[in-house]
Protein backbone atom coordinates (compact mmCIF):
# COMPACT_ATOMS: atom_id res chain seq x y z
CA MET A 1 1.65 4.56 8.87
CA THR A 2 -1.33 3.19 8.04
CA ASP A 3 -2.92 6.42 6.93
CA LEU A 4 -0.03 7.29 4.84
CA ILE A 5 -0.08 3.91 2.99
CA ARG A 6 -3.82 4.40 2.32
CA SER A 7 -3.52 7.99 0.89
CA ALA A 8 -0.36 7.07 -1.49
CA ALA A 9 -2.51 3.92 -2.59
CA GLY A 10 -5.08 6.45 -3.75
CA PHE A 11 -3.13 8.62 -5.45
CA ILE A 12 -1.68 5.63 -7.48
CA LYS A 13 -5.19 4.34 -7.85
CA ALA A 14 -5.94 7.57 -9.41
CA ASN A 15 -2.73 8.03 -11.12
CA THR A 16 -1.31 4.66 -12.56
CA ASP A 17 -0.16 6.04 -15.65
CA ALA A 18 1.86 8.63 -14.14
CA ALA A 19 5.48 8.24 -13.34
CA ASP A 20 5.03 9.89 -10.32
CA SER A 21 3.49 6.52 -9.26
CA LEU A 22 6.29 4.56 -9.67
CA ASP A 23 8.16 7.34 -7.43
CA LEU A 24 5.49 7.35 -4.65
CA ALA A 25 5.61 3.12 -4.77
CA ALA A 26 9.38 3.35 -4.52
CA ALA A 27 9.66 6.16 -1.55
CA LEU A 28 7.27 3.72 0.50
CA ASP A 29 8.76 0.41 -0.25
CA ASP A 30 12.59 1.94 0.36
CA MET A 31 11.08 3.66 3.33
CA MET A 32 9.55 0.34 4.88
CA ASN A 33 12.78 -1.60 3.85
CA CYS A 34 14.94 0.84 5.43
CA ARG A 35 16.74 1.59 2.23
CA THR A 36 15.98 5.50 2.73
CA TYR A 37 15.38 7.82 5.57
CA ILE A 38 12.16 7.99 6.86
CA ASN A 39 12.40 12.28 6.53
CA ASP A 40 13.90 11.77 2.67
CA ALA A 41 10.64 9.37 1.91
CA LEU A 42 8.26 11.73 3.45
CA SER A 43 9.60 14.61 1.65
CA SER A 44 9.52 12.63 -1.40
CA ILE A 45 5.95 11.79 -0.99
CA TYR A 46 5.02 15.26 -0.17
CA ALA A 47 6.47 16.65 -3.44
CA ILE A 48 4.62 14.11 -5.68
CA THR A 49 1.07 14.22 -3.66
CA GLY A 50 1.31 17.91 -2.91
CA ARG A 51 -0.17 16.85 0.85
CA SER A 52 1.88 17.09 4.14
CA CYS A 53 2.09 13.52 5.45
CA GLY A 54 3.74 12.04 8.39
CA ILE A 55 3.53 8.80 10.15
CA ILE A 56 1.19 8.67 13.18
CA ALA A 57 1.20 5.05 13.97
CA PRO A 58 3.46 1.88 12.92
CA VAL A 59 1.51 -0.71 11.01
CA PRO A 60 0.16 -3.21 13.44
CA ASN A 61 2.38 -6.33 13.59
CA ASN A 62 -0.90 -8.47 12.29
CA ALA A 63 -0.73 -6.19 9.04
CA THR A 64 3.05 -6.29 8.64
CA ALA A 65 3.38 -9.08 6.06
CA PHE A 66 0.31 -7.62 4.00
CA VAL A 67 1.54 -4.36 3.77
CA LEU A 68 5.18 -5.08 3.04
CA VAL A 69 4.33 -7.65 0.30
CA SER A 70 1.59 -5.47 -1.11
CA VAL A 71 3.65 -2.25 -1.53
CA ARG A 72 6.90 -4.47 -3.14
CA GLU A 73 4.15 -5.83 -5.43
CA LEU A 74 2.72 -2.39 -6.06
CA ARG A 75 6.06 -1.23 -6.95
CA ILE A 76 7.01 -3.91 -9.54
CA ALA A 77 3.81 -3.70 -11.04
CA LEU A 78 4.34 0.05 -11.69
CA ASP A 79 7.86 -0.62 -12.98
CA GLU A 80 7.00 -3.23 -15.57
CA LYS A 81 3.92 -1.12 -16.32
CA SER A 82 1.24 -3.90 -15.02
CA ARG A 83 -1.10 -1.01 -14.62
CA GLY A 84 -4.35 -3.16 -14.08
CA LEU A 85 -2.42 -5.13 -11.41
CA ALA A 86 -1.28 -1.97 -10.07
CA CYS A 87 -4.81 -0.37 -9.93
CA ASP A 88 -5.86 -3.54 -8.17
CA ILE A 89 -3.30 -3.86 -5.58
CA ALA A 90 -3.88 -0.08 -4.55
CA ASP A 91 -7.23 -0.69 -4.27
CA VAL A 92 -6.56 -2.90 -2.00
CA LEU A 93 -4.49 -0.98 -0.03
CA ARG A 94 -6.34 1.96 0.23
CA SER A 95 -8.77 0.06 1.58
CA MET A 96 -6.93 -1.30 4.50
CA PRO A 97 -8.91 -0.90 7.84
CA GLU A 98 -8.75 2.01 10.10
CA LYS A 99 -6.53 1.59 12.64
CA ASP A 100 -8.75 0.27 15.27
CA GLY A 101 -10.02 -2.22 12.73
CA PHE A 102 -6.78 -4.28 13.09
CA HIS A 103 -8.01 -5.60 16.20
CA ASP A 104 -11.40 -6.79 15.38
CA LYS A 105 -11.23 -10.34 13.75
CA LYS A 106 -14.72 -9.82 12.00
CA GLU A 107 -13.33 -6.74 10.28
CA LEU A 108 -10.20 -8.28 9.27
CA GLN A 109 -12.49 -11.43 8.01
CA SER A 110 -14.47 -9.14 5.97
CA PHE A 111 -11.45 -7.32 4.59
CA ASN A 112 -9.49 -10.55 3.52
CA THR A 113 -12.70 -12.10 1.92
CA ASN A 114 -14.20 -9.09 -0.02
CA TYR A 115 -10.24 -7.76 -0.92
CA ILE A 116 -7.38 -9.89 -0.86
CA GLN A 117 -9.30 -13.38 -1.95
CA PRO A 118 -10.78 -12.12 -4.64
CA PHE A 119 -7.56 -10.03 -5.53
CA ASN A 120 -5.43 -13.81 -5.07
CA SER A 121 -7.84 -15.44 -7.33
CA LYS A 122 -7.83 -13.24 -10.09
CA HIS A 123 -3.95 -12.81 -10.20
CA LEU A 124 -0.67 -14.44 -10.32
CA CYS A 125 0.91 -12.89 -7.14
CA HIS A 126 -0.94 -13.10 -3.92
CA LEU A 127 -0.96 -10.97 -0.93
CA PRO A 128 -1.10 -12.33 2.66
CA GLU A 129 -3.83 -12.39 4.60
CA ILE A 130 -3.84 -9.97 7.49
CA VAL A 131 -4.21 -12.33 10.84
């Protein structure tokens, strides 16, 4: 799932002005909050990005709050046409650690220090740190 989120965030960062970016963020948000079926969301994501995608592994427990809040805030920012905020959130999401990095305290501390804390200092909305 983190690979899918990173890939989607990269697409959104490169296309923040496109309507497809809002649709992509909505598909992720709806899927993660059980408002749509996974296969329907994956079909939407494929239609937008043109890349085959799937869920290989779930988001690690220690990153769940970060991912849920970040994707929700990304969707809101795109919906409100706050392109700078959306670009910054997408940058944080696409920079998430790889799967094994979620179990490395030093890597998580580095991610929080280099991405989440500067983001939170810059913006009114705050993303939770990965613990």
